[in-house]
Amino acid sequence: MSASLQDRQPRSMLAVLLACVRTILFQIAFLGGSLLLVPLAMILGLLVTGGPLLFIGPQLWAGWFRLTSRVIAGIRIEIDGEIPPGPHLFALKHESALEAILTLWWFERPAVVMKQELRRIPVWGLAAARHGSIFVDRSGSAGMLREMMRQAQAAAASGRPVVIFPEGTRVGVGEMPALAAGFAGLYKMLKLPVVPVALDSGSVWPKSFIKYPGTVHMKVAPPIPPGLPRADIEARVHAAINALQAMPVDGGPDDGGQGIAVSTGGGA
């Protein structure tokens, strides 16, 4: 069944209760670890100006999230396709906070484009800024777009991948809005191949407090070359990041975290 249909299926009271208990235990473990790992990332960001050591803190934090969400919350991730190394423009579907955090685990030294509000989170915001996150004001002003372009170009020039959520914000399961204006400009300026990534995380990681055991499917499309007209690149990326919205899959919510993905391409 499709991800959107999975999300609409009623859950038994017992399943909700068990998921609530697992979510509470997950939050205790993850936030407890974050109290150590986020300050570590900030300190390394302040002391180290470059090199692999600069990114150890963020990757440890994302790895801790991956471990606790899998072991305690029962959320598996199955990857179909390969994440290419080196500088690319990665365009991800964004249904939950799960993929926002795991960009730090999946990609090597990523420059992640994220909303400006996150910069104001105590300690975490400073750590993210020191590690090269690109904060943007979602009002879409010309000045904001120019600054995003400047930072993204600097990241790509240093060999880092740039990660963007091209729909501009987190969307609900089954929603497929048009791409935000900044994506086409970034694609044209960076002249990098675009790698669209489809995800269906919203079914197991909704905006509500309770998270549900199950499998998140991640489909990495082949790179799209630079230089395409705006209408073509937007149409291809929009289709690719929404590839799981109507694709039959097995193993959604309430399967105890033992779902089977549509592909055996890999895990995360």
C-alpha atoms as a PDB file:
ATOM      1  CA  MET A   1       0.000   0.000   0.000  1.00  0.00           C
ATOM      2  CA  SER A   2       1.097   3.569  -0.476  1.00  0.00           C
ATOM      3  CA  ALA A   3       2.675   5.616   2.303  1.00  0.00           C
ATOM      4  CA  SER A   4      -0.365   7.879   2.425  1.00  0.00           C
ATOM      5  CA  LEU A   5      -2.711   4.943   2.914  1.00  0.00           C
ATOM      6  CA  GLN A   6      -0.470   3.550   5.636  1.00  0.00           C
ATOM      7  CA  ASP A   7      -0.744   6.814   7.526  1.00  0.00           C
ATOM      8  CA  ARG A   8      -4.534   6.713   7.429  1.00  0.00           C
ATOM      9  CA  GLN A   9      -4.871   3.177   8.788  1.00  0.00           C
ATOM     10  CA  PRO A  10      -6.321   3.112  12.314  1.00  0.00           C
ATOM     11  CA  ARG A  11      -4.047   1.817  15.029  1.00  0.00           C
ATOM     12  CA  SER A  12      -5.212  -0.220  17.979  1.00  0.00           C
ATOM     13  CA  MET A  13      -5.086   1.310  21.454  1.00  0.00           C
ATOM     14  CA  LEU A  14      -2.452  -1.266  22.436  1.00  0.00           C
ATOM     15  CA  ALA A  15      -0.254  -0.344  19.468  1.00  0.00           C
ATOM     16  CA  VAL A  16      -0.531   3.352  20.323  1.00  0.00           C
ATOM     17  CA  LEU A  17       0.252   2.685  24.002  1.00  0.00           C
ATOM     18  CA  LEU A  18       3.322   0.594  23.168  1.00  0.00           C
ATOM     19  CA  ALA A  19       4.508   3.202  20.680  1.00  0.00           C
ATOM     20  CA  CYS A  20       4.069   5.896  23.330  1.00  0.00           C
ATOM     21  CA  VAL A  21       6.200   3.969  25.823  1.00  0.00           C
ATOM     22  CA  ARG A  22       8.901   3.378  23.212  1.00  0.00           C
ATOM     23  CA  THR A  23       8.815   7.055  22.220  1.00  0.00           C
ATOM     24  CA  ILE A  24       9.298   8.171  25.824  1.00  0.00           C
ATOM     25  CA  LEU A  25      12.244   5.800  26.264  1.00  0.00           C
ATOM     26  CA  PHE A  26      13.709   6.976  22.965  1.00  0.00           C
ATOM     27  CA  GLN A  27      13.402  10.638  23.951  1.00  0.00           C
ATOM     28  CA  ILE A  28      15.112  10.002  27.283  1.00  0.00           C
ATOM     29  CA  ALA A  29      18.004   8.174  25.620  1.00  0.00           C
ATOM     30  CA  PHE A  30      18.418  10.487  22.635  1.00  0.00           C
ATOM     31  CA  LEU A  31      18.099  13.749  24.536  1.00  0.00           C
ATOM     32  CA  GLY A  32      20.350  12.419  27.291  1.00  0.00           C
ATOM     33  CA  GLY A  33      23.049  11.632  24.754  1.00  0.00           C
ATOM     34  CA  SER A  34      22.494  14.985  23.057  1.00  0.00           C
ATOM     35  CA  LEU A  35      23.374  16.770  26.288  1.00  0.00           C
ATOM     36  CA  LEU A  36      26.891  15.441  25.800  1.00  0.00           C
ATOM     37  CA  LEU A  37      27.236  15.279  22.009  1.00  0.00           C
ATOM     38  CA  VAL A  38      25.807  18.672  21.002  1.00  0.00           C
ATOM     39  CA  PRO A  39      28.163  20.664  23.295  1.00  0.00           C
ATOM     40  CA  LEU A  40      31.004  18.478  22.019  1.00  0.00           C
ATOM     41  CA  ALA A  41      30.092  19.419  18.436  1.00  0.00           C
ATOM     42  CA  MET A  42      29.960  23.093  19.414  1.00  0.00           C
ATOM     43  CA  ILE A  43      33.349  22.982  21.160  1.00  0.00           C
ATOM     44  CA  LEU A  44      34.980  21.234  18.205  1.00  0.00           C
ATOM     45  CA  GLY A  45      33.396  23.789  15.903  1.00  0.00           C
ATOM     46  CA  LEU A  46      34.911  26.618  17.923  1.00  0.00           C
ATOM     47  CA  LEU A  47      38.367  25.040  18.238  1.00  0.00           C
ATOM     48  CA  VAL A  48      38.811  23.413  14.829  1.00  0.00           C
ATOM     49  CA  THR A  49      38.718  25.415  11.609  1.00  0.00           C
ATOM     50  CA  GLY A  50      38.591  22.555   9.106  1.00  0.00           C
ATOM     51  CA  GLY A  51      39.375  18.927   8.351  1.00  0.00           C
ATOM     52  CA  PRO A  52      37.612  15.700   9.363  1.00  0.00           C
ATOM     53  CA  LEU A  53      37.785  16.504  13.081  1.00  0.00           C
ATOM     54  CA  LEU A  54      35.363  19.399  12.559  1.00  0.00           C
ATOM     55  CA  PHE A  55      32.584  17.007  11.575  1.00  0.00           C
ATOM     56  CA  ILE A  56      33.074  14.273  14.155  1.00  0.00           C
ATOM     57  CA  GLY A  57      30.637  15.860  16.636  1.00  0.00           C
ATOM     58  CA  PRO A  58      27.680  16.199  14.226  1.00  0.00           C
ATOM     59  CA  GLN A  59      28.198  12.683  12.877  1.00  0.00           C
ATOM     60  CA  LEU A  60      28.348  11.200  16.375  1.00  0.00           C
ATOM     61  CA  TRP A  61      25.124  13.007  17.272  1.00  0.00           C
ATOM     62  CA  ALA A  62      23.362  11.803  14.116  1.00  0.00           C
ATOM     63  CA  GLY A  63      24.714   8.298  14.689  1.00  0.00           C
ATOM     64  CA  TRP A  64      23.315   8.317  18.223  1.00  0.00           C
ATOM     65  CA  PHE A  65      19.939   9.350  16.801  1.00  0.00           C
ATOM     66  CA  ARG A  66      20.117   6.539  14.241  1.00  0.00           C
ATOM     67  CA  LEU A  67      20.969   3.968  16.923  1.00  0.00           C
ATOM     68  CA  THR A  68      18.333   5.011  19.461  1.00  0.00           C
ATOM     69  CA  SER A  69      15.565   5.424  16.878  1.00  0.00           C
ATOM     70  CA  ARG A  70      16.294   1.945  15.528  1.00  0.00           C
ATOM     71  CA  VAL A  71      16.835   0.038  18.761  1.00  0.00           C
ATOM     72  CA  ILE A  72      14.337   1.803  21.028  1.00  0.00           C
ATOM     73  CA  ALA A  73      11.711   3.319  18.719  1.00  0.00           C
ATOM     74  CA  GLY A  74      11.861   0.407  16.271  1.00  0.00           C
ATOM     75  CA  ILE A  75      12.322   2.488  13.122  1.00  0.00           C
ATOM     76  CA  ARG A  76      14.302   0.913  10.301  1.00  0.00           C
ATOM     77  CA  ILE A  77      15.556   2.636   7.166  1.00  0.00           C
ATOM     78  CA  GLU A  78      15.920   0.801   3.876  1.00  0.00           C
ATOM     79  CA  ILE A  79      17.841   2.483   1.083  1.00  0.00           C
ATOM     80  CA  ASP A  80      17.234   1.757  -2.598  1.00  0.00           C
ATOM     81  CA  GLY A  81      20.125   3.150  -4.644  1.00  0.00           C
ATOM     82  CA  GLU A  82      23.584   4.516  -3.954  1.00  0.00           C
ATOM     83  CA  ILE A  83      24.568   7.875  -2.478  1.00  0.00           C
ATOM     84  CA  PRO A  84      27.351   9.186  -4.733  1.00  0.00           C
ATOM     85  CA  PRO A  85      30.422  10.671  -3.037  1.00  0.00           C
ATOM     86  CA  GLY A  86      31.742  14.160  -3.583  1.00  0.00           C
ATOM     87  CA  PRO A  87      30.012  17.435  -4.362  1.00  0.00           C
ATOM     88  CA  HIS A  88      26.436  16.994  -5.557  1.00  0.00           C
ATOM     89  CA  LEU A  89      23.216  18.863  -4.968  1.00  0.00           C
ATOM     90  CA  PHE A  90      21.011  16.447  -3.012  1.00  0.00           C
ATOM     91  CA  ALA A  91      17.274  17.221  -3.132  1.00  0.00           C
ATOM     92  CA  LEU A  92      15.315  15.407  -0.412  1.00  0.00           C
ATOM     93  CA  LYS A  93      11.643  14.866   0.272  1.00  0.00           C
ATOM     94  CA  HIS A  94      10.929  16.255   3.746  1.00  0.00           C
ATOM     95  CA  GLU A  95       8.148  14.640   5.778  1.00  0.00           C
ATOM     96  CA  SER A  96       9.730  14.558   9.238  1.00  0.00           C
ATOM     97  CA  ALA A  97      12.610  15.598  11.455  1.00  0.00           C
ATOM     98  CA  LEU A  98      14.119  12.146  10.971  1.00  0.00           C
ATOM     99  CA  GLU A  99      15.726  12.846   7.594  1.00  0.00           C
ATOM    100  CA  ALA A 100      16.757  16.348   8.671  1.00  0.00           C
ATOM    101  CA  ILE A 101      18.934  14.859  11.414  1.00  0.00           C
ATOM    102  CA  LEU A 102      20.179  11.905   9.383  1.00  0.00           C
ATOM    103  CA  THR A 103      21.559  14.115   6.618  1.00  0.00           C
ATOM    104  CA  LEU A 104      24.544  14.409   8.955  1.00  0.00           C
ATOM    105  CA  TRP A 105      24.929  10.602   8.885  1.00  0.00           C
ATOM    106  CA  TRP A 106      24.164   9.821   5.250  1.00  0.00           C
ATOM    107  CA  PHE A 107      26.330  12.505   3.629  1.00  0.00           C
ATOM    108  CA  GLU A 108      30.000  13.321   4.094  1.00  0.00           C
ATOM    109  CA  ARG A 109      30.538  16.851   5.465  1.00  0.00           C
ATOM    110  CA  PRO A 110      27.170  18.110   4.175  1.00  0.00           C
ATOM    111  CA  ALA A 111      26.165  21.750   3.894  1.00  0.00           C
ATOM    112  CA  VAL A 112      22.481  21.458   4.769  1.00  0.00           C
ATOM    113  CA  VAL A 113      20.085  24.248   3.849  1.00  0.00           C
ATOM    114  CA  MET A 114      17.718  24.776   6.801  1.00  0.00           C
ATOM    115  CA  LYS A 115      15.310  27.340   8.156  1.00  0.00           C
ATOM    116  CA  GLN A 116      16.675  30.357  10.021  1.00  0.00           C
ATOM    117  CA  GLU A 117      14.628  29.578  13.151  1.00  0.00           C
ATOM    118  CA  LEU A 118      16.901  26.616  13.914  1.00  0.00           C
ATOM    119  CA  ARG A 119      19.868  28.961  14.219  1.00  0.00           C
ATOM    120  CA  ARG A 120      18.311  30.368  17.406  1.00  0.00           C
ATOM    121  CA  ILE A 121      18.280  27.030  19.269  1.00  0.00           C
ATOM    122  CA  PRO A 122      20.735  27.418  22.178  1.00  0.00           C
ATOM    123  CA  VAL A 123      24.041  25.555  21.697  1.00  0.00           C
ATOM    124  CA  TRP A 124      22.690  23.470  18.789  1.00  0.00           C
ATOM    125  CA  GLY A 125      22.278  26.499  16.533  1.00  0.00           C
ATOM    126  CA  LEU A 126      25.828  27.669  17.140  1.00  0.00           C
ATOM    127  CA  ALA A 127      27.181  24.159  16.586  1.00  0.00           C
ATOM    128  CA  ALA A 128      25.279  23.841  13.288  1.00  0.00           C
ATOM    129  CA  ALA A 129      26.515  27.231  12.103  1.00  0.00           C
ATOM    130  CA  ARG A 130      30.135  26.379  12.926  1.00  0.00           C
ATOM    131  CA  HIS A 131      29.853  23.179  10.903  1.00  0.00           C
ATOM    132  CA  GLY A 132      28.665  24.948   7.796  1.00  0.00           C
ATOM    133  CA  SER A 133      24.882  24.645   7.798  1.00  0.00           C
ATOM    134  CA  ILE A 134      23.197  27.179   5.513  1.00  0.00           C
ATOM    135  CA  PHE A 135      20.412  29.047   7.305  1.00  0.00           C
ATOM    136  CA  VAL A 136      17.747  30.743   5.212  1.00  0.00           C
ATOM    137  CA  ASP A 137      14.807  32.994   5.933  1.00  0.00           C
ATOM    138  CA  ARG A 138      11.799  31.293   4.376  1.00  0.00           C
ATOM    139  CA  SER A 139      10.319  34.648   3.392  1.00  0.00           C
ATOM    140  CA  GLY A 140      12.260  34.163   0.173  1.00  0.00           C
ATOM    141  CA  SER A 141      13.707  37.685  -0.052  1.00  0.00           C
ATOM    142  CA  ALA A 142      16.269  38.483  -2.739  1.00  0.00           C
ATOM    143  CA  GLY A 143      18.926  39.084  -0.104  1.00  0.00           C
ATOM    144  CA  MET A 144      18.250  35.716   1.501  1.00  0.00           C
ATOM    145  CA  LEU A 145      18.546  33.935  -1.847  1.00  0.00           C
ATOM    146  CA  ARG A 146      21.839  35.661  -2.629  1.00  0.00           C
ATOM    147  CA  GLU A 147      23.284  34.677   0.759  1.00  0.00           C
ATOM    148  CA  MET A 148      22.143  31.076   0.322  1.00  0.00           C
ATOM    149  CA  MET A 149      23.792  30.989  -3.099  1.00  0.00           C
ATOM    150  CA  ARG A 150      27.035  32.425  -1.729  1.00  0.00           C
ATOM    151  CA  GLN A 151      27.293  29.895   1.094  1.00  0.00           C
ATOM    152  CA  ALA A 152      26.307  26.975  -1.117  1.00  0.00           C
ATOM    153  CA  GLN A 153      28.882  27.950  -3.720  1.00  0.00           C
ATOM    154  CA  ALA A 154      31.603  28.124  -1.057  1.00  0.00           C
ATOM    155  CA  ALA A 155      30.613  24.686   0.252  1.00  0.00           C
ATOM    156  CA  ALA A 156      30.654  23.127  -3.225  1.00  0.00           C
ATOM    157  CA  ALA A 157      34.018  24.749  -3.985  1.00  0.00           C
ATOM    158  CA  SER A 158      35.471  23.009  -0.922  1.00  0.00           C
ATOM    159  CA  GLY A 159      34.213  19.632  -2.139  1.00  0.00           C
ATOM    160  CA  ARG A 160      31.170  19.347   0.131  1.00  0.00           C
ATOM    161  CA  PRO A 161      27.730  18.138  -0.931  1.00  0.00           C
ATOM    162  CA  VAL A 162      24.875  20.627  -0.623  1.00  0.00           C
ATOM    163  CA  VAL A 163      21.617  19.224   0.783  1.00  0.00           C
ATOM    164  CA  ILE A 164      18.294  20.972   0.235  1.00  0.00           C
ATOM    165  CA  PHE A 165      14.634  20.203   0.862  1.00  0.00           C
ATOM    166  CA  PRO A 166      13.344  21.646  -2.429  1.00  0.00           C
ATOM    167  CA  GLU A 167       9.686  21.866  -1.410  1.00  0.00           C
ATOM    168  CA  GLY A 168      10.779  24.483   1.099  1.00  0.00           C
ATOM    169  CA  THR A 169       9.331  22.988   4.267  1.00  0.00           C
ATOM    170  CA  ARG A 170       8.141  19.777   5.882  1.00  0.00           C
ATOM    171  CA  VAL A 171       5.023  18.398   4.213  1.00  0.00           C
ATOM    172  CA  GLY A 172       2.370  15.910   5.243  1.00  0.00           C
ATOM    173  CA  VAL A 173       2.174  12.340   3.989  1.00  0.00           C
ATOM    174  CA  GLY A 174       0.840  12.321   0.439  1.00  0.00           C
ATOM    175  CA  GLU A 175       1.370  16.051  -0.131  1.00  0.00           C
ATOM    176  CA  MET A 176       3.314  16.998  -3.266  1.00  0.00           C
ATOM    177  CA  PRO A 177       3.644  20.789  -3.439  1.00  0.00           C
ATOM    178  CA  ALA A 178       5.539  22.612  -6.168  1.00  0.00           C
ATOM    179  CA  LEU A 179       9.252  23.168  -5.583  1.00  0.00           C
ATOM    180  CA  ALA A 180      10.305  26.390  -3.882  1.00  0.00           C
ATOM    181  CA  ALA A 181      11.848  29.101  -6.050  1.00  0.00           C
ATOM    182  CA  GLY A 182      15.335  28.827  -4.542  1.00  0.00           C
ATOM    183  CA  PHE A 183      15.976  25.308  -5.849  1.00  0.00           C
ATOM    184  CA  ALA A 184      16.179  26.213  -9.546  1.00  0.00           C
ATOM    185  CA  GLY A 185      18.494  29.132  -8.820  1.00  0.00           C
ATOM    186  CA  LEU A 186      20.774  26.929  -6.719  1.00  0.00           C
ATOM    187  CA  TYR A 187      20.861  24.278  -9.456  1.00  0.00           C
ATOM    188  CA  LYS A 188      21.735  26.844 -12.125  1.00  0.00           C
ATOM    189  CA  MET A 189      24.453  28.536 -10.084  1.00  0.00           C
ATOM    190  CA  LEU A 190      26.208  25.485  -8.615  1.00  0.00           C
ATOM    191  CA  LYS A 191      26.354  23.572 -11.903  1.00  0.00           C
ATOM    192  CA  LEU A 192      26.380  20.310  -9.955  1.00  0.00           C
ATOM    193  CA  PRO A 193      24.555  17.055 -10.697  1.00  0.00           C
ATOM    194  CA  VAL A 194      21.305  16.807  -8.740  1.00  0.00           C
ATOM    195  CA  VAL A 195      20.502  13.627  -6.815  1.00  0.00           C
ATOM    196  CA  PRO A 196      16.792  13.441  -5.902  1.00  0.00           C
ATOM    197  CA  VAL A 197      15.946  11.406  -2.798  1.00  0.00           C
ATOM    198  CA  ALA A 198      12.430  10.147  -2.078  1.00  0.00           C
ATOM    199  CA  LEU A 199      11.388   9.314   1.500  1.00  0.00           C
ATOM    200  CA  ASP A 200       8.178   8.202   3.207  1.00  0.00           C
ATOM    201  CA  SER A 201       9.157   8.935   6.826  1.00  0.00           C
ATOM    202  CA  GLY A 202       5.987  10.790   7.789  1.00  0.00           C
ATOM    203  CA  SER A 203       4.020   7.599   8.383  1.00  0.00           C
ATOM    204  CA  VAL A 204       6.251   6.454  11.243  1.00  0.00           C
ATOM    205  CA  TRP A 205       7.548   9.868  12.350  1.00  0.00           C
ATOM    206  CA  PRO A 206       4.525  12.206  12.394  1.00  0.00           C
ATOM    207  CA  LYS A 207       4.542  15.707  13.856  1.00  0.00           C
ATOM    208  CA  SER A 208       2.780  14.407  16.953  1.00  0.00           C
ATOM    209  CA  PHE A 209       4.798  13.249  19.960  1.00  0.00           C
ATOM    210  CA  ILE A 210       4.307   9.509  19.412  1.00  0.00           C
ATOM    211  CA  LYS A 211       6.546   7.820  16.839  1.00  0.00           C
ATOM    212  CA  TYR A 212       5.610   4.413  15.438  1.00  0.00           C
ATOM    213  CA  PRO A 213       7.780   1.359  14.715  1.00  0.00           C
ATOM    214  CA  GLY A 214       8.108   0.574  11.053  1.00  0.00           C
ATOM    215  CA  THR A 215      10.285   0.972   7.991  1.00  0.00           C
ATOM    216  CA  VAL A 216      11.201   4.228   6.298  1.00  0.00           C
ATOM    217  CA  HIS A 217      11.937   3.740   2.620  1.00  0.00           C
ATOM    218  CA  MET A 218      14.550   5.919   0.963  1.00  0.00           C
ATOM    219  CA  LYS A 219      14.923   5.894  -2.819  1.00  0.00           C
ATOM    220  CA  VAL A 220      18.050   7.536  -4.227  1.00  0.00           C
ATOM    221  CA  ALA A 221      17.566   8.409  -7.894  1.00  0.00           C
ATOM    222  CA  PRO A 222      20.425   8.522 -10.416  1.00  0.00           C
ATOM    223  CA  PRO A 223      22.151  11.908 -10.711  1.00  0.00           C
ATOM    224  CA  ILE A 224      20.595  14.424 -13.086  1.00  0.00           C
ATOM    225  CA  PRO A 225      23.200  16.409 -15.030  1.00  0.00           C
ATOM    226  CA  PRO A 226      23.546  20.182 -14.687  1.00  0.00           C
ATOM    227  CA  GLY A 227      22.479  22.639 -17.349  1.00  0.00           C
ATOM    228  CA  LEU A 228      18.859  21.611 -17.936  1.00  0.00           C
ATOM    229  CA  PRO A 229      16.127  24.229 -18.437  1.00  0.00           C
ATOM    230  CA  ARG A 230      14.261  25.214 -15.285  1.00  0.00           C
ATOM    231  CA  ALA A 231      10.996  23.542 -16.271  1.00  0.00           C
ATOM    232  CA  ASP A 232      12.765  20.260 -17.045  1.00  0.00           C
ATOM    233  CA  ILE A 233      14.844  20.054 -13.869  1.00  0.00           C
ATOM    234  CA  GLU A 234      11.920  21.021 -11.642  1.00  0.00           C
ATOM    235  CA  ALA A 235       9.659  18.433 -13.260  1.00  0.00           C
ATOM    236  CA  ARG A 236      12.239  15.658 -12.970  1.00  0.00           C
ATOM    237  CA  VAL A 237      13.157  16.422  -9.366  1.00  0.00           C
ATOM    238  CA  HIS A 238       9.522  16.816  -8.310  1.00  0.00           C
ATOM    239  CA  ALA A 239       8.648  13.434  -9.801  1.00  0.00           C
ATOM    240  CA  ALA A 240      11.689  11.707  -8.311  1.00  0.00           C
ATOM    241  CA  ILE A 241      11.341  12.955  -4.721  1.00  0.00           C
ATOM    242  CA  ASN A 242       7.662  11.960  -4.776  1.00  0.00           C
ATOM    243  CA  ALA A 243       8.308   8.497  -6.213  1.00  0.00           C
ATOM    244  CA  LEU A 244       7.249   6.787  -2.969  1.00  0.00           C
ATOM    245  CA  GLN A 245       4.023   8.699  -2.498  1.00  0.00           C
ATOM    246  CA  ALA A 246       2.031   6.209  -4.552  1.00  0.00           C
ATOM    247  CA  MET A 247       4.419   3.242  -4.696  1.00  0.00           C
ATOM    248  CA  PRO A 248       3.266  -0.060  -3.121  1.00  0.00           C
ATOM    249  CA  VAL A 249       5.486  -1.008  -0.211  1.00  0.00           C
ATOM    250  CA  ASP A 250       5.457  -3.637   2.519  1.00  0.00           C
ATOM    251  CA  GLY A 251       6.160  -3.060   6.169  1.00  0.00           C
ATOM    252  CA  GLY A 252       4.727   0.245   7.283  1.00  0.00           C
ATOM    253  CA  PRO A 253       3.691   1.417  10.740  1.00  0.00           C
ATOM    254  CA  ASP A 254       2.761  -1.069  13.443  1.00  0.00           C
ATOM    255  CA  ASP A 255       4.888  -3.859  11.965  1.00  0.00           C
ATOM    256  CA  GLY A 256       7.177  -3.884  15.008  1.00  0.00           C
ATOM    257  CA  GLY A 257      10.043  -2.449  13.018  1.00  0.00           C
ATOM    258  CA  GLN A 258      10.340  -5.616  10.919  1.00  0.00           C
ATOM    259  CA  GLY A 259       9.010  -4.280   7.621  1.00  0.00           C
ATOM    260  CA  ILE A 260      10.456  -5.322   4.285  1.00  0.00           C
ATOM    261  CA  ALA A 261      11.468  -2.579   1.882  1.00  0.00           C
ATOM    262  CA  VAL A 262      10.649  -2.493  -1.798  1.00  0.00           C
ATOM    263  CA  SER A 263      14.346  -2.900  -2.508  1.00  0.00           C
ATOM    264  CA  THR A 264      17.336  -4.501  -0.847  1.00  0.00           C
ATOM    265  CA  GLY A 265      19.642  -1.765  -2.011  1.00  0.00           C
ATOM    266  CA  GLY A 266      20.980  -1.060   1.474  1.00  0.00           C
ATOM    267  CA  GLY A 267      20.237   0.154   4.986  1.00  0.00           C
ATOM    268  CA  ALA A 268      21.005   3.135   7.123  1.00  0.00           C
END
